[in-house]
Structures are given as structure tokens and as C-alpha cells.
Amino acid sequence: MTSFKEPGNTMVLTTKDIACGAKPILLVSHDFEDGMWEFLDGEDADENNAYVVSLDEIIKIDSSITVLHDLPLGWIAYRKDCNDSWIREKEY
């Protein structure tokens, strides 16, 4: 069970690099239009690197994202590296 309101089997977007542990999660987006969660590395997204995993899987990759469970729709959170605190702001 996660602290997110969505079930653990909810599909989320990430990248192949994050899924295999090659890059850290540095940007999280909670899309306003469809409520989709995106867990990215902060670099320009490339659809060829897109990957779908469950919410439970992404938490296993980086449990520090659980503090973002209440990130509102239409907001993002980012950090410079995985040791930094998350900064939250409304997406424009």
C-alpha cells in the first residue's frame, strides 16, 4: 500500500533509463488533463525512451517520491539531484 491515493497497480510514465537504474528521478509531473503521473530525469523527454511501469514499481526504484503523494493535479516537483529536497510549483 502506498501513500498515493491511486492504487499501486496504477500505470505511470517514466523512462527506460530510470526503470533500469541508469538515471535518477529528478522531475515529477501530475498532469492536469488526465491525472497521469510522470517520473522523469529532468532532461528533454524522448518518446523512444518512454516506459510504462506501475506506481508500486516506481516507488521501489525511488521511495523518496512518496513525499509527493499529495502533489496536486497540474503541478510539478523537481530537484537538482537525488539528495536534494523536492521543490513544488504549479505547471504553466
C-alpha atoms as a PDB file:
ATOM      1  CA  MET A   1       0.000   0.000   0.000  1.00  0.00           C
ATOM      2  CA  THR A   2       1.309   3.435  -0.924  1.00  0.00           C
ATOM      3  CA  SER A   3       0.587   6.873   0.462  1.00  0.00           C
ATOM      4  CA  PHE A   4      -0.650   7.863  -3.013  1.00  0.00           C
ATOM      5  CA  LYS A   5      -4.423   7.924  -3.422  1.00  0.00           C
ATOM      6  CA  GLU A   6      -4.067   5.858  -6.595  1.00  0.00           C
ATOM      7  CA  PRO A   7      -3.773   2.057  -6.313  1.00  0.00           C
ATOM      8  CA  GLY A   8      -0.292   0.545  -6.551  1.00  0.00           C
ATOM      9  CA  ASN A   9      -1.092  -1.018  -9.922  1.00  0.00           C
ATOM     10  CA  THR A  10      -1.793   2.399 -11.493  1.00  0.00           C
ATOM     11  CA  MET A  11       0.296   2.830 -14.642  1.00  0.00           C
ATOM     12  CA  VAL A  12       2.738   5.750 -14.618  1.00  0.00           C
ATOM     13  CA  LEU A  13       5.131   7.117 -17.223  1.00  0.00           C
ATOM     14  CA  THR A  14       8.877   7.089 -16.795  1.00  0.00           C
ATOM     15  CA  THR A  15      11.911   6.397 -18.955  1.00  0.00           C
ATOM     16  CA  LYS A  16      13.854   3.238 -19.724  1.00  0.00           C
ATOM     17  CA  ASP A  17      16.907   4.900 -18.142  1.00  0.00           C
ATOM     18  CA  ILE A  18      15.085   5.382 -14.836  1.00  0.00           C
ATOM     19  CA  ALA A  19      13.488   1.928 -14.929  1.00  0.00           C
ATOM     20  CA  CYS A  20      16.891   0.250 -15.296  1.00  0.00           C
ATOM     21  CA  GLY A  21      18.529   2.469 -12.656  1.00  0.00           C
ATOM     22  CA  ALA A  22      20.798   4.385 -15.045  1.00  0.00           C
ATOM     23  CA  LYS A  23      19.326   7.800 -14.147  1.00  0.00           C
ATOM     24  CA  PRO A  24      17.581   9.245 -11.059  1.00  0.00           C
ATOM     25  CA  ILE A  25      14.077  10.691 -10.837  1.00  0.00           C
ATOM     26  CA  LEU A  26      14.532  14.468 -10.776  1.00  0.00           C
ATOM     27  CA  LEU A  27      11.184  15.673 -12.153  1.00  0.00           C
ATOM     28  CA  VAL A  28       7.660  14.536 -11.265  1.00  0.00           C
ATOM     29  CA  SER A  29       4.564  15.760 -13.036  1.00  0.00           C
ATOM     30  CA  HIS A  30       0.917  15.175 -12.080  1.00  0.00           C
ATOM     31  CA  ASP A  31      -0.901  16.049 -15.309  1.00  0.00           C
ATOM     32  CA  PHE A  32      -3.925  18.293 -15.011  1.00  0.00           C
ATOM     33  CA  GLU A  33      -5.789  16.893 -18.028  1.00  0.00           C
ATOM     34  CA  ASP A  34      -5.755  13.182 -17.243  1.00  0.00           C
ATOM     35  CA  GLY A  35      -4.229  12.805 -13.776  1.00  0.00           C
ATOM     36  CA  MET A  36      -1.295  10.811 -15.190  1.00  0.00           C
ATOM     37  CA  TRP A  37       1.874  10.706 -13.115  1.00  0.00           C
ATOM     38  CA  GLU A  38       5.219  11.135 -14.905  1.00  0.00           C
ATOM     39  CA  PHE A  39       8.545  10.342 -13.218  1.00  0.00           C
ATOM     40  CA  LEU A  40      11.363  11.747 -15.328  1.00  0.00           C
ATOM     41  CA  ASP A  41      15.062  12.596 -15.161  1.00  0.00           C
ATOM     42  CA  GLY A  42      14.626  16.286 -15.974  1.00  0.00           C
ATOM     43  CA  GLU A  43      16.080  16.045 -19.465  1.00  0.00           C
ATOM     44  CA  ASP A  44      14.097  16.538 -22.655  1.00  0.00           C
ATOM     45  CA  ALA A  45      11.652  13.658 -22.946  1.00  0.00           C
ATOM     46  CA  ASP A  46      12.226  11.353 -25.894  1.00  0.00           C
ATOM     47  CA  GLU A  47       9.266   9.138 -26.775  1.00  0.00           C
ATOM     48  CA  ASN A  48      11.704   6.375 -27.801  1.00  0.00           C
ATOM     49  CA  ASN A  49      12.886   6.272 -24.172  1.00  0.00           C
ATOM     50  CA  ALA A  50       9.346   6.299 -22.708  1.00  0.00           C
ATOM     51  CA  TYR A  51       8.435   3.426 -20.429  1.00  0.00           C
ATOM     52  CA  VAL A  52       5.301   2.473 -18.507  1.00  0.00           C
ATOM     53  CA  VAL A  53       5.509   0.900 -15.043  1.00  0.00           C
ATOM     54  CA  SER A  54       3.176   0.600 -12.079  1.00  0.00           C
ATOM     55  CA  LEU A  55       3.146   3.087  -9.231  1.00  0.00           C
ATOM     56  CA  ASP A  56       4.431   0.318  -6.931  1.00  0.00           C
ATOM     57  CA  GLU A  57       7.369  -0.317  -9.290  1.00  0.00           C
ATOM     58  CA  ILE A  58       8.389   3.339  -9.455  1.00  0.00           C
ATOM     59  CA  ILE A  59       8.285   3.555  -5.644  1.00  0.00           C
ATOM     60  CA  LYS A  60      10.624   0.538  -5.469  1.00  0.00           C
ATOM     61  CA  ILE A  61      13.001   2.366  -7.817  1.00  0.00           C
ATOM     62  CA  ASP A  62      12.998   5.517  -5.644  1.00  0.00           C
ATOM     63  CA  SER A  63      10.977   5.587  -2.425  1.00  0.00           C
ATOM     64  CA  SER A  64      11.746   9.297  -1.885  1.00  0.00           C
ATOM     65  CA  ILE A  65       8.925  10.093  -4.319  1.00  0.00           C
ATOM     66  CA  THR A  66       6.322   9.069  -1.721  1.00  0.00           C
ATOM     67  CA  VAL A  67       6.552  12.556  -0.186  1.00  0.00           C
ATOM     68  CA  LEU A  68       4.910  13.778  -3.408  1.00  0.00           C
ATOM     69  CA  HIS A  69       1.755  11.694  -2.890  1.00  0.00           C
ATOM     70  CA  ASP A  70      -0.311  14.867  -2.431  1.00  0.00           C
ATOM     71  CA  LEU A  71       1.094  16.765  -5.439  1.00  0.00           C
ATOM     72  CA  PRO A  72      -1.988  18.482  -6.930  1.00  0.00           C
ATOM     73  CA  LEU A  73      -3.131  17.993 -10.498  1.00  0.00           C
ATOM     74  CA  GLY A  74      -1.302  20.414 -12.783  1.00  0.00           C
ATOM     75  CA  TRP A  75       1.760  20.648 -10.532  1.00  0.00           C
ATOM     76  CA  ILE A  76       5.357  19.510 -10.891  1.00  0.00           C
ATOM     77  CA  ALA A  77       8.105  18.776  -8.387  1.00  0.00           C
ATOM     78  CA  TYR A  78      11.792  18.854  -9.175  1.00  0.00           C
ATOM     79  CA  ARG A  79      15.203  18.644  -7.560  1.00  0.00           C
ATOM     80  CA  LYS A  80      18.793  19.137  -8.681  1.00  0.00           C
ATOM     81  CA  ASP A  81      19.926  15.666  -7.583  1.00  0.00           C
ATOM     82  CA  CYS A  82      18.566  12.781  -5.536  1.00  0.00           C
ATOM     83  CA  ASN A  83      19.957  14.184  -2.275  1.00  0.00           C
ATOM     84  CA  ASP A  84      18.064  17.487  -2.613  1.00  0.00           C
ATOM     85  CA  SER A  85      14.605  18.293  -1.304  1.00  0.00           C
ATOM     86  CA  TRP A  86      11.732  18.454  -3.768  1.00  0.00           C
ATOM     87  CA  ILE A  87      10.596  21.888  -4.959  1.00  0.00           C
ATOM     88  CA  ARG A  88       6.921  22.072  -5.913  1.00  0.00           C
ATOM     89  CA  GLU A  89       5.287  24.515  -8.292  1.00  0.00           C
ATOM     90  CA  LYS A  90       2.247  24.873 -10.466  1.00  0.00           C
ATOM     91  CA  GLU A  91       2.947  23.854 -14.061  1.00  0.00           C
ATOM     92  CA  TYR A  92       2.312  26.530 -16.670  1.00  0.00           C
END
